[in-house]
Amino acid sequence: MQSSTEAGEEYIIKTNPATLEEFGRIKCDHPEDVPAALQAARLAQSKWMKLSYDEKAVVMSNIQEAIISNIEDLARTICGETGKPKSEAIATDIFAALSAGEYANDMMLEVFKKSKIDLGDMAFPMKLAGRSSYIAPRPIGVVAIISPWNYPLGIPYSQTIMALAAGNAVIIKPSSETPLTAVKMLEVMKKAGLPDNLVQVLIGSGRTVGDALLTSDVDRIVFTGSGSVGRRVMAQASQRLTPVTLELGGKDPMIVLKDADLERATSAAVWGSFVNSGQTCVCVKRIYVDETIYEQFLELFKNKTLMLKQGWGWDDQEISLGSLINEAALNEMEMHVEKAVNEGAKVLIGGKKNPNLKGYYFEPTILVDTPQNSAAVQEEIFGPIVTVMKFSSEEEAIALANDNKYALAGSVWTANLIKGKVLAELVSSGTVVVNNLLYTYGLAATPWGGNGESGFGRTHGKFGFEELTEPHHIHVDKGKYPEDPWWFPYSPEKSESLSGFMHSFYAQDGSSIKALLQLHKMMRK
């Protein structure tokens, strides 16, 4: 990604990282554009939330159909900006988007269902007094989505479509590495009948347009990206007490027990470690294998990885590994390998730039004999590098898996499903899968998010909707009594009556019926 200034306007020039050819260019917005965008979003949101369910459902369904009809164009843009293979753009990016859209459409009516509150010990007294509480969910307003480059359609679309289903407007600030995909997405949505300004895309750097959005009066910020930027997002948002959802980095463990299906587990490990060239927050980064099957696992894993074909995957559908996003990422992978070797690791395969390709390609890399406390095991590596280590007991495997500041996802592999579920519940990650990995982001009904350095909050599922709506509490009093005993004017009689009620109602040996009679008598005066 480069930038240029033409006639006083700044442009992002996007180079295809797989071919090093210019793919496109786009004019940047200005920080001063944010207030007007927010004002337009608020107006659009006020109209959107007032539409009937049927009216909104038509728009949402048309948007989904438009995405399906434009899969080829969307995939071409995704691949041109990221260098990933066409098959991968469709199977991960676009599939995840459509899955979220389908779920959002199905749940749109459910999101706003009113629910009665169980008042616990006070339920019966409140019922006698003609009082009740319920929740009437309502939209929070305008959601700012700051999205990353690794899944430039799947992540912003899934978050946007759920925000729309919850009655909100959205302003997207895409990564400067992938602005064209976000613009293409919005173009498709508009052609499908999306109301004006309900979704907007602002182009520019994080330090300019991004900061202006973070310090604006938006109602929630949903950020997906690195921990370092996540901290900046939280610091900026705190100035206005804007709530944030942070989906940050990962260092996902894969635990392989001795009774696991090794053929399947190793095939999964290859895909889980190197999908999107390892540029995925939930890629497998640490593989822990029972020592009794370690050598067998390693041999299968190595051989299957060596079979992967790397290159520009738009023209050649047999290519599995694309490029890294830019030259800086390539240099960073070389640094990580050098540091790992200095800390005691051995490079089983890979470990260097692919010398046969002109783009930003790094060979899929397997590290062994890597100390648990080394940077290669403890720090996030956003590229095709994975460590494989052994364990001697299940207790040790869990301890090693949890010995990391990141806790986004993980997996347990075993033929014993009962044991697998028990161990999965002991892994501290936000999502843990038994005998599979990664793909639950595409199951939009399931929550997505992590703990520790992986952030907090959830997208997707009912928990995701809870962050996009406000639990508006309504309490209703039928007015059966002329006044409440705690109203003015205070008096010794009121004080004595309230004390008597609390003693009778809450004391272990008290009589709740007696207390209610006392309260009823007091309130009727």
Protein backbone atom coordinates (compact mmCIF):
# COMPACT_ATOMS: atom_id res chain seq x y z
CA MET A 1 0.00 0.00 0.00
CA GLN A 2 1.29 3.43 -0.99
CA SER A 3 -0.17 6.89 -0.85
CA SER A 4 0.12 9.88 -3.14
CA THR A 5 -1.12 13.44 -3.22
CA GLU A 6 -2.81 14.68 -6.36
CA ALA A 7 -4.34 18.14 -6.68
CA GLY A 8 -4.27 18.50 -2.91
CA GLU A 9 -6.10 15.21 -2.31
CA GLU A 10 -4.53 12.12 -0.79
CA TYR A 11 -4.95 8.78 -2.52
CA ILE A 12 -4.23 5.24 -1.44
CA ILE A 13 -2.53 3.26 -4.18
CA LYS A 14 -3.11 -0.44 -3.67
CA THR A 15 -0.60 -2.94 -5.02
CA ASN A 16 -1.46 -6.61 -5.34
CA PRO A 17 0.99 -8.21 -2.86
CA ALA A 18 1.03 -11.44 -4.88
CA THR A 19 1.97 -9.89 -8.22
CA LEU A 20 3.40 -6.51 -7.14
CA GLU A 21 1.23 -4.86 -9.79
CA GLU A 22 -0.99 -1.87 -9.07
CA PHE A 23 -4.52 -3.06 -8.40
CA GLY A 24 -6.32 0.23 -7.85
CA ARG A 25 -6.36 3.59 -6.15
CA ILE A 26 -8.89 5.50 -4.10
CA LYS A 27 -9.22 8.99 -2.66
CA CYS A 28 -8.99 9.38 1.11
CA ASP A 29 -11.55 11.12 3.25
CA HIS A 30 -10.60 13.86 5.67
CA PRO A 31 -10.93 13.83 9.46
CA GLU A 32 -13.19 16.86 9.04
CA ASP A 33 -15.66 14.63 7.13
CA VAL A 34 -16.48 12.57 10.22
CA PRO A 35 -19.01 14.93 11.91
CA ALA A 36 -21.08 15.22 8.73
CA ALA A 37 -20.96 11.45 8.22
CA LEU A 38 -22.11 10.92 11.80
CA GLN A 39 -24.95 13.42 11.44
CA ALA A 40 -26.11 11.71 8.25
CA ALA A 41 -25.87 8.31 9.93
CA ARG A 42 -28.04 9.46 12.84
CA LEU A 43 -30.73 10.74 10.47
CA ALA A 44 -30.65 7.50 8.47
CA GLN A 45 -30.77 5.40 11.64
CA SER A 46 -33.79 7.26 13.01
CA LYS A 47 -35.68 6.40 9.83
CA TRP A 48 -34.42 2.82 9.68
CA MET A 49 -35.45 1.93 13.22
CA LYS A 50 -38.98 3.20 12.56
CA LEU A 51 -39.51 0.92 9.55
CA SER A 52 -41.65 -2.12 10.10
CA TYR A 53 -40.06 -5.52 10.40
CA ASP A 54 -41.38 -6.48 6.96
CA GLU A 55 -39.91 -3.36 5.35
CA LYS A 56 -36.50 -3.94 6.88
CA ALA A 57 -36.60 -7.65 6.07
CA VAL A 58 -37.04 -6.90 2.36
CA VAL A 59 -33.95 -4.66 2.35
CA MET A 60 -31.87 -7.16 4.32
CA SER A 61 -32.89 -10.05 2.07
CA ASN A 62 -32.11 -8.04 -1.06
CA ILE A 63 -28.64 -7.23 0.30
CA GLN A 64 -27.95 -10.92 0.87
CA GLU A 65 -29.08 -11.75 -2.66
CA ALA A 66 -26.86 -9.01 -4.03
CA ILE A 67 -23.80 -10.43 -2.25
CA ILE A 68 -24.56 -13.86 -3.71
CA SER A 69 -24.97 -12.37 -7.20
CA ASN A 70 -21.64 -10.56 -6.95
CA ILE A 71 -19.46 -13.33 -5.52
CA GLU A 72 -17.09 -13.23 -8.49
CA ASP A 73 -16.52 -9.46 -8.39
CA LEU A 74 -16.17 -9.43 -4.62
CA ALA A 75 -13.69 -12.32 -4.70
CA ARG A 76 -11.66 -10.58 -7.40
CA THR A 77 -11.37 -7.46 -5.27
CA ILE A 78 -10.51 -9.42 -2.13
CA CYS A 79 -7.79 -11.37 -3.95
CA GLY A 80 -6.39 -8.30 -5.68
CA GLU A 81 -5.95 -6.49 -2.38
CA THR A 82 -4.77 -9.37 -0.18
CA GLY A 83 -3.04 -11.81 -2.54
CA LYS A 84 -5.06 -14.76 -1.20
CA PRO A 85 -6.25 -17.58 -3.49
CA LYS A 86 -9.69 -17.29 -5.08
CA SER A 87 -10.93 -20.46 -3.39
CA GLU A 88 -9.94 -19.06 -0.02
CA ALA A 89 -11.65 -15.72 -0.61
CA ILE A 90 -14.87 -17.56 -1.38
CA ALA A 91 -14.63 -20.28 1.27
CA THR A 92 -13.65 -18.05 4.18
CA ASP A 93 -14.33 -14.38 3.49
CA ILE A 94 -17.55 -14.56 1.48
CA PHE A 95 -18.94 -17.64 3.21
CA ALA A 96 -18.52 -16.01 6.63
CA ALA A 97 -20.27 -12.89 5.35
CA LEU A 98 -23.25 -14.78 3.95
CA SER A 99 -23.56 -16.93 7.06
CA ALA A 100 -23.77 -13.84 9.26
CA GLY A 101 -26.27 -12.22 6.92
CA GLU A 102 -28.53 -15.25 6.99
CA TYR A 103 -28.39 -15.41 10.78
CA ALA A 104 -29.03 -11.67 11.16
CA ASN A 105 -32.07 -11.87 8.89
CA ASP A 106 -33.46 -14.86 10.78
CA MET A 107 -32.98 -13.21 14.17
CA MET A 108 -34.05 -9.67 13.33
CA LEU A 109 -37.52 -10.04 14.81
CA GLU A 110 -36.25 -12.00 17.82
CA VAL A 111 -33.80 -9.25 18.77
CA PHE A 112 -36.57 -6.85 19.75
CA LYS A 113 -38.83 -9.23 21.61
CA LYS A 114 -39.83 -7.84 24.99
CA SER A 115 -39.03 -10.03 27.98
CA LYS A 116 -40.48 -10.02 31.48
CA ILE A 117 -38.01 -9.68 34.36
CA ASP A 118 -38.13 -12.21 37.18
CA LEU A 119 -38.00 -10.06 40.30
CA GLY A 120 -36.89 -12.93 42.51
CA ASP A 121 -37.89 -12.58 46.19
CA MET A 122 -39.78 -9.41 45.36
CA ALA A 123 -41.88 -11.03 42.60
CA PHE A 124 -44.88 -11.83 44.82
CA PRO A 125 -44.93 -8.50 46.72
CA MET A 126 -44.64 -6.61 43.43
CA LYS A 127 -47.45 -8.65 41.90
CA LEU A 128 -49.70 -7.86 44.86
CA ALA A 129 -48.79 -4.19 44.51
CA GLY A 130 -49.63 -4.28 40.79
CA ARG A 131 -46.03 -3.72 39.66
CA SER A 132 -43.83 -5.41 37.08
CA SER A 133 -40.68 -4.93 35.01
CA TYR A 134 -39.76 -5.87 31.48
CA ILE A 135 -37.00 -5.27 28.93
CA ALA A 136 -37.76 -3.59 25.61
CA PRO A 137 -34.51 -3.79 23.60
CA ARG A 138 -33.72 -0.81 21.40
CA PRO A 139 -30.88 0.08 18.99
CA ILE A 140 -27.85 1.84 20.40
CA GLY A 141 -27.61 4.24 17.42
CA VAL A 142 -24.48 4.52 15.27
CA VAL A 143 -21.84 1.79 15.36
CA ALA A 144 -18.27 2.49 14.22
CA ILE A 145 -16.65 -0.61 12.73
CA ILE A 146 -12.87 -0.51 12.36
CA SER A 147 -12.01 -3.56 10.32
CA PRO A 148 -8.73 -5.35 9.45
CA TRP A 149 -7.27 -6.33 6.12
CA ASN A 150 -7.02 -10.11 6.53
CA TYR A 151 -10.75 -10.75 5.93
CA PRO A 152 -11.80 -7.48 4.28
CA LEU A 153 -15.34 -8.64 3.46
CA GLY A 154 -16.17 -11.35 5.99
CA ILE A 155 -15.43 -9.29 9.10
CA PRO A 156 -16.95 -5.88 8.24
CA TYR A 157 -19.98 -7.37 6.47
CA SER A 158 -20.84 -9.74 9.30
CA GLN A 159 -20.54 -6.97 11.87
CA THR A 160 -22.43 -4.50 9.70
CA ILE A 161 -25.32 -6.78 8.83
CA MET A 162 -25.86 -7.66 12.50
CA ALA A 163 -25.76 -3.97 13.44
CA LEU A 164 -28.40 -3.25 10.79
CA ALA A 165 -30.56 -6.12 12.02
CA ALA A 166 -30.37 -4.52 15.47
CA GLY A 167 -31.68 -1.24 14.04
CA ASN A 168 -28.41 0.69 13.94
CA ALA A 169 -26.50 2.73 11.40
CA VAL A 170 -22.85 1.91 10.64
CA ILE A 171 -19.71 3.82 9.74
CA ILE A 172 -16.88 1.58 8.54
CA LYS A 173 -13.22 2.55 8.61
CA PRO A 174 -11.49 -0.27 6.70
CA SER A 175 -7.78 -0.98 6.83
CA SER A 176 -5.76 1.16 4.45
CA GLU A 177 -4.46 -2.13 3.03
CA THR A 178 -7.92 -3.14 1.80
CA PRO A 179 -10.09 -0.07 1.17
CA LEU A 180 -11.35 -1.23 -2.22
CA THR A 181 -13.13 -4.30 -0.84
CA ALA A 182 -15.08 -2.20 1.66
CA VAL A 183 -16.09 0.23 -1.07
CA LYS A 184 -17.13 -2.64 -3.36
CA MET A 185 -19.18 -4.14 -0.52
CA LEU A 186 -21.01 -0.86 0.06
CA GLU A 187 -21.59 -0.46 -3.67
CA VAL A 188 -23.27 -3.87 -3.81
CA MET A 189 -25.39 -3.09 -0.75
CA LYS A 190 -26.55 0.23 -2.18
CA LYS A 191 -27.61 -1.38 -5.45
CA ALA A 192 -29.71 -3.77 -3.38
CA GLY A 193 -31.69 -0.91 -1.86
CA LEU A 194 -29.73 0.02 1.26
CA PRO A 195 -31.07 3.40 2.46
CA ASP A 196 -28.78 6.38 1.92
CA ASN A 197 -26.15 6.91 4.64
CA LEU A 198 -27.31 3.96 6.72
CA VAL A 199 -23.90 2.42 6.02
CA GLN A 200 -20.94 4.63 5.15
CA VAL A 201 -17.29 3.87 4.42
CA LEU A 202 -14.58 6.36 5.35
CA ILE A 203 -11.17 5.87 3.74
CA GLY A 204 -7.94 6.98 5.36
CA SER A 205 -5.23 6.14 7.83
CA GLY A 206 -5.86 5.16 11.42
CA ARG A 207 -3.98 8.19 12.68
CA THR A 208 -6.21 10.62 10.76
CA VAL A 209 -9.67 9.40 9.82
CA GLY A 210 -9.51 6.56 12.34
CA ASP A 211 -8.71 8.83 15.28
CA ALA A 212 -11.41 11.30 14.22
CA LEU A 213 -13.96 8.47 14.25
CA LEU A 214 -12.75 7.12 17.59
CA THR A 215 -13.12 10.50 19.28
CA SER A 216 -16.46 11.25 17.65
CA ASP A 217 -19.86 10.81 19.27
CA VAL A 218 -20.54 7.31 17.93
CA ASP A 219 -22.45 4.97 20.23
CA ARG A 220 -20.22 1.89 20.07
CA ILE A 221 -16.88 0.99 18.52
CA VAL A 222 -16.25 -2.52 17.20
CA PHE A 223 -12.55 -3.02 16.52
CA THR A 224 -10.78 -6.04 15.09
CA GLY A 225 -7.00 -5.92 14.91
CA SER A 226 -3.77 -6.00 16.86
CA GLY A 227 -3.42 -5.56 20.59
CA SER A 228 -1.28 -2.44 20.26
CA VAL A 229 -3.87 -0.67 18.14
CA GLY A 230 -6.64 -2.06 20.35
CA ARG A 231 -5.12 -0.22 23.30
CA ARG A 232 -5.13 3.01 21.32
CA VAL A 233 -8.75 2.43 20.36
CA MET A 234 -9.73 1.93 23.99
CA ALA A 235 -7.77 4.98 25.14
CA GLN A 236 -9.37 7.20 22.50
CA ALA A 237 -12.87 5.85 23.17
CA SER A 238 -12.48 6.46 26.89
CA GLN A 239 -12.42 10.21 26.29
CA ARG A 240 -16.15 10.05 25.53
CA LEU A 241 -16.88 6.89 27.53
CA THR A 242 -17.78 5.15 24.27
CA PRO A 243 -18.24 1.39 24.80
CA VAL A 244 -15.95 -0.82 22.76
CA THR A 245 -15.84 -4.38 21.51
CA LEU A 246 -12.27 -5.56 20.95
CA GLU A 247 -11.35 -8.68 18.99
CA LEU A 248 -7.58 -8.69 19.10
CA GLY A 249 -4.76 -11.17 18.54
CA GLY A 250 -4.47 -14.88 19.08
CA LYS A 251 -1.98 -17.64 19.67
CA ASP A 252 -4.26 -20.62 19.37
CA PRO A 253 -3.26 -24.01 20.81
CA MET A 254 -4.08 -27.36 19.21
CA ILE A 255 -3.93 -30.29 21.65
CA VAL A 256 -3.54 -33.72 20.03
CA LEU A 257 -4.13 -36.68 22.33
CA LYS A 258 -2.66 -40.12 21.65
CA ASP A 259 -6.01 -41.58 20.52
CA ALA A 260 -6.64 -38.85 17.91
CA ASP A 261 -7.20 -39.69 14.23
CA LEU A 262 -3.77 -38.59 13.02
CA GLU A 263 -4.62 -38.44 9.34
CA ARG A 264 -7.51 -36.09 10.00
CA ALA A 265 -5.72 -34.14 12.71
CA THR A 266 -2.66 -33.49 10.57
CA SER A 267 -4.77 -32.42 7.59
CA ALA A 268 -6.61 -30.02 9.87
CA ALA A 269 -3.32 -28.77 11.30
CA VAL A 270 -2.03 -27.89 7.84
CA TRP A 271 -5.12 -25.88 7.00
CA GLY A 272 -5.45 -24.42 10.50
CA SER A 273 -1.83 -23.25 10.56
CA PHE A 274 -1.51 -21.90 7.04
CA VAL A 275 -4.94 -20.72 5.87
CA ASN A 276 -4.65 -17.15 4.63
CA SER A 277 -0.90 -17.69 4.88
CA GLY A 278 -1.19 -17.73 8.65
CA GLN A 279 -2.61 -14.21 8.70
CA THR A 280 -5.59 -15.13 10.83
CA CYS A 281 -6.12 -14.33 14.50
CA VAL A 282 -7.38 -17.88 15.09
CA CYS A 283 -4.76 -19.73 13.08
CA VAL A 284 -3.17 -22.65 14.89
CA LYS A 285 0.12 -21.30 16.24
CA ARG A 286 1.00 -23.81 18.95
CA ILE A 287 0.54 -27.54 18.45
CA TYR A 288 0.93 -29.76 21.52
CA VAL A 289 1.16 -33.49 20.73
CA ASP A 290 1.22 -36.47 23.07
CA GLU A 291 4.83 -37.66 23.21
CA THR A 292 3.86 -41.22 22.22
CA ILE A 293 2.64 -40.07 18.78
CA TYR A 294 4.78 -36.98 18.38
CA GLU A 295 7.14 -38.31 15.69
CA GLN A 296 4.32 -39.84 13.70
CA PHE A 297 2.29 -36.64 13.84
CA LEU A 298 5.29 -34.54 12.86
CA GLU A 299 6.11 -36.66 9.83
CA LEU A 300 2.57 -36.53 8.49
CA PHE A 301 2.26 -32.82 9.22
CA LYS A 302 5.55 -32.04 7.47
CA ASN A 303 4.80 -34.11 4.39
CA LYS A 304 1.33 -32.64 3.92
CA THR A 305 2.67 -29.12 4.32
CA LEU A 306 5.35 -29.73 1.71
CA MET A 307 2.62 -30.63 -0.78
CA LEU A 308 1.08 -27.16 -0.61
CA LYS A 309 1.37 -25.04 -3.72
CA GLN A 310 2.14 -21.36 -3.26
CA GLY A 311 1.55 -18.49 -5.67
CA TRP A 312 -1.05 -16.20 -7.24
CA GLY A 313 -4.25 -18.15 -6.76
CA TRP A 314 -6.65 -16.30 -9.01
CA ASP A 315 -5.37 -17.79 -12.25
CA ASP A 316 -4.35 -21.17 -10.79
CA GLN A 317 -7.11 -22.79 -8.73
CA GLU A 318 -4.75 -25.46 -7.37
CA ILE A 319 -2.77 -22.92 -5.36
CA SER A 320 -3.37 -23.11 -1.61
CA LEU A 321 -1.06 -20.45 -0.17
CA GLY A 322 -1.12 -16.83 -1.22
CA SER A 323 1.19 -13.98 -0.33
CA LEU A 324 1.62 -11.96 2.82
CA ILE A 325 -0.02 -8.56 2.85
CA ASN A 326 3.10 -6.44 2.34
CA GLU A 327 6.89 -6.34 2.47
CA ALA A 328 6.93 -5.36 6.13
CA ALA A 329 5.07 -8.58 6.98
CA LEU A 330 7.60 -10.56 4.98
CA ASN A 331 10.51 -8.98 6.83
CA GLU A 332 8.75 -9.59 10.14
CA MET A 333 8.49 -13.34 9.43
CA GLU A 334 12.22 -13.53 8.72
CA MET A 335 12.87 -11.76 12.02
CA HIS A 336 10.60 -14.16 13.93
CA VAL A 337 12.41 -17.21 12.54
CA GLU A 338 15.83 -15.77 13.30
CA LYS A 339 14.81 -14.98 16.86
CA ALA A 340 13.25 -18.44 17.34
CA VAL A 341 16.44 -20.16 16.20
CA ASN A 342 18.50 -17.98 18.53
CA GLU A 343 16.21 -19.10 21.38
CA GLY A 344 16.74 -22.78 20.63
CA ALA A 345 14.17 -23.69 17.97
CA LYS A 346 14.92 -25.78 14.89
CA VAL A 347 13.37 -25.10 11.49
CA LEU A 348 11.84 -28.35 10.25
CA ILE A 349 10.69 -26.86 6.93
CA GLY A 350 10.39 -23.36 5.46
CA GLY A 351 11.77 -20.44 7.40
CA LYS A 352 12.43 -18.08 4.51
CA LYS A 353 11.01 -16.05 1.66
CA ASN A 354 9.98 -18.17 -1.30
CA PRO A 355 12.84 -17.56 -3.77
CA ASN A 356 10.80 -18.64 -6.80
CA LEU A 357 8.06 -16.03 -6.53
CA LYS A 358 8.28 -12.26 -6.96
CA GLY A 359 5.51 -11.30 -4.55
CA TYR A 360 5.57 -11.20 -0.74
CA TYR A 361 5.63 -14.97 -0.24
CA PHE A 362 6.94 -16.67 2.86
CA GLU A 363 7.25 -20.42 2.93
CA PRO A 364 5.01 -22.34 5.36
CA THR A 365 7.25 -22.87 8.36
CA ILE A 366 7.26 -25.54 11.07
CA LEU A 367 9.41 -24.96 14.17
CA VAL A 368 10.31 -27.74 16.61
CA ASP A 369 12.24 -27.93 19.90
CA THR A 370 10.89 -24.50 20.71
CA PRO A 371 11.07 -23.55 24.41
CA GLN A 372 7.68 -22.81 25.95
CA ASN A 373 8.91 -19.44 27.24
CA SER A 374 10.36 -18.33 23.89
CA ALA A 375 8.92 -15.50 21.82
CA ALA A 376 7.92 -17.95 19.08
CA VAL A 377 5.55 -19.66 21.53
CA GLN A 378 4.43 -16.66 23.57
CA GLU A 379 4.09 -13.80 21.07
CA GLU A 380 1.61 -13.47 18.21
CA ILE A 381 3.13 -14.24 14.81
CA PHE A 382 0.83 -13.07 12.03
CA GLY A 383 2.11 -15.31 9.29
CA PRO A 384 2.71 -18.96 8.23
CA ILE A 385 4.82 -20.04 11.22
CA VAL A 386 3.74 -22.74 13.68
CA THR A 387 5.50 -24.46 16.59
CA VAL A 388 5.05 -28.18 17.37
CA MET A 389 5.82 -29.42 20.89
CA LYS A 390 5.20 -32.57 22.92
CA PHE A 391 3.52 -33.24 26.25
CA SER A 392 3.53 -36.24 28.58
CA SER A 393 0.15 -35.90 30.31
CA GLU A 394 -3.22 -34.32 29.70
CA GLU A 395 -2.71 -32.05 32.71
CA GLU A 396 0.52 -30.80 31.20
CA ALA A 397 -1.19 -30.22 27.84
CA ILE A 398 -3.84 -28.00 29.44
CA ALA A 399 -1.23 -26.12 31.45
CA LEU A 400 0.85 -25.47 28.32
CA ALA A 401 -2.18 -24.44 26.27
CA ASN A 402 -3.23 -21.93 28.93
CA ASP A 403 0.30 -20.63 29.41
CA ASN A 404 -0.19 -17.66 27.09
CA LYS A 405 -1.58 -14.14 27.33
CA TYR A 406 -3.81 -14.69 24.31
CA ALA A 407 -7.04 -16.67 24.63
CA LEU A 408 -9.12 -16.44 21.48
CA ALA A 409 -9.67 -20.03 20.34
CA GLY A 410 -8.21 -23.52 20.53
CA SER A 411 -8.90 -27.16 19.80
CA VAL A 412 -8.70 -30.62 21.37
CA TRP A 413 -8.28 -33.77 19.25
CA THR A 414 -9.32 -37.17 20.58
CA ALA A 415 -11.49 -40.19 19.78
CA ASN A 416 -13.00 -39.93 23.26
CA LEU A 417 -15.62 -37.18 22.98
CA ILE A 418 -16.41 -37.19 26.68
CA LYS A 419 -12.76 -36.58 27.51
CA GLY A 420 -12.51 -34.07 24.67
CA LYS A 421 -15.34 -31.96 26.08
CA VAL A 422 -13.92 -32.12 29.60
CA LEU A 423 -10.52 -30.91 28.42
CA ALA A 424 -12.03 -28.29 26.10
CA GLU A 425 -13.81 -26.73 29.07
CA LEU A 426 -10.45 -26.40 30.83
CA VAL A 427 -8.86 -24.41 27.97
CA SER A 428 -9.22 -20.70 28.72
CA SER A 429 -9.92 -19.53 25.16
CA GLY A 430 -13.19 -17.90 24.15
CA THR A 431 -13.97 -20.73 21.70
CA VAL A 432 -12.64 -24.27 21.95
CA VAL A 433 -13.50 -26.91 19.35
CA VAL A 434 -13.30 -30.68 19.73
CA ASN A 435 -11.93 -32.42 16.61
CA ASN A 436 -12.09 -29.35 14.37
CA LEU A 437 -10.79 -25.79 14.30
CA LEU A 438 -11.24 -22.19 13.16
CA TYR A 439 -14.44 -22.50 11.17
CA THR A 440 -16.96 -21.48 13.88
CA TYR A 441 -16.56 -17.84 12.83
CA GLY A 442 -18.72 -18.98 9.93
CA LEU A 443 -21.37 -20.26 12.35
CA ALA A 444 -22.87 -16.89 13.05
CA ALA A 445 -25.18 -18.18 15.79
CA THR A 446 -22.12 -18.91 17.94
CA PRO A 447 -20.41 -16.10 19.90
CA TRP A 448 -17.03 -14.83 18.78
CA GLY A 449 -14.42 -13.21 21.00
CA GLY A 450 -11.70 -13.93 23.51
CA ASN A 451 -10.11 -13.13 26.84
CA GLY A 452 -6.85 -11.61 28.06
CA GLU A 453 -4.79 -10.02 25.28
CA SER A 454 -7.34 -11.32 22.78
CA GLY A 455 -9.73 -8.59 23.88
CA PHE A 456 -13.22 -8.62 25.29
CA GLY A 457 -16.83 -8.49 24.18
CA ARG A 458 -18.46 -10.70 21.58
CA THR A 459 -19.62 -10.44 18.01
CA HIS A 460 -22.05 -12.94 16.45
CA GLY A 461 -24.80 -14.86 18.18
CA LYS A 462 -27.15 -13.53 20.82
CA PHE A 463 -24.21 -12.15 22.79
CA GLY A 464 -23.18 -10.12 19.75
CA PHE A 465 -26.68 -8.69 19.47
CA GLU A 466 -26.57 -7.75 23.15
CA GLU A 467 -23.66 -5.42 22.37
CA LEU A 468 -25.60 -3.79 19.54
CA THR A 469 -28.77 -3.09 21.51
CA GLU A 470 -29.65 -1.40 24.78
CA PRO A 471 -31.60 -3.39 27.41
CA HIS A 472 -34.22 -0.71 27.92
CA HIS A 473 -35.87 -1.39 31.28
CA ILE A 474 -39.52 -0.49 31.76
CA HIS A 475 -41.16 -0.70 35.20
CA VAL A 476 -44.95 -0.44 35.43
CA ASP A 477 -46.99 0.51 38.51
CA LYS A 478 -50.80 0.19 38.24
CA GLY A 479 -51.15 2.84 40.97
CA LYS A 480 -53.00 0.70 43.48
CA TYR A 481 -51.71 2.71 46.45
CA PRO A 482 -51.85 6.47 47.10
CA GLU A 483 -48.17 6.64 48.02
CA ASP A 484 -45.12 4.53 48.82
CA PRO A 485 -43.95 4.28 52.46
CA TRP A 486 -40.51 5.65 51.60
CA TRP A 487 -41.90 8.88 50.12
CA PHE A 488 -41.86 12.20 51.96
CA PRO A 489 -42.69 13.20 54.60
CA TYR A 490 -40.59 10.87 56.74
CA SER A 491 -41.98 9.93 60.15
CA PRO A 492 -41.20 7.66 63.10
CA GLU A 493 -44.19 5.51 62.16
CA LYS A 494 -42.93 5.00 58.58
CA SER A 495 -39.42 4.22 59.80
CA GLU A 496 -40.68 1.69 62.32
CA SER A 497 -43.00 0.06 59.79
CA LEU A 498 -40.23 -0.29 57.16
CA SER A 499 -37.82 -1.76 59.71
CA GLY A 500 -40.48 -4.24 60.79
CA PHE A 501 -41.16 -5.22 57.19
CA MET A 502 -37.49 -5.84 56.40
CA HIS A 503 -36.99 -7.90 59.55
CA SER A 504 -40.02 -10.05 58.88
CA PHE A 505 -39.43 -10.41 55.13
CA TYR A 506 -35.68 -10.98 55.02
CA ALA A 507 -34.82 -12.53 58.39
CA GLN A 508 -34.26 -16.30 58.38
CA ASP A 509 -36.95 -16.86 61.00
CA GLY A 510 -39.27 -14.15 59.71
CA SER A 511 -42.73 -14.48 58.25
CA SER A 512 -43.05 -13.14 54.72
CA ILE A 513 -46.86 -13.26 54.86
CA LYS A 514 -46.88 -11.20 58.05
CA ALA A 515 -44.46 -8.75 56.49
CA LEU A 516 -46.61 -8.34 53.40
CA LEU A 517 -49.69 -7.67 55.51
CA GLN A 518 -47.76 -5.02 57.44
CA LEU A 519 -46.59 -3.39 54.21
CA HIS A 520 -50.06 -3.50 52.68
CA LYS A 521 -51.56 -1.86 55.75
CA MET A 522 -48.90 0.82 55.81
CA MET A 523 -49.28 1.68 52.10
CA ARG A 524 -53.07 2.00 52.25
CA LYS A 525 -52.92 4.83 54.77
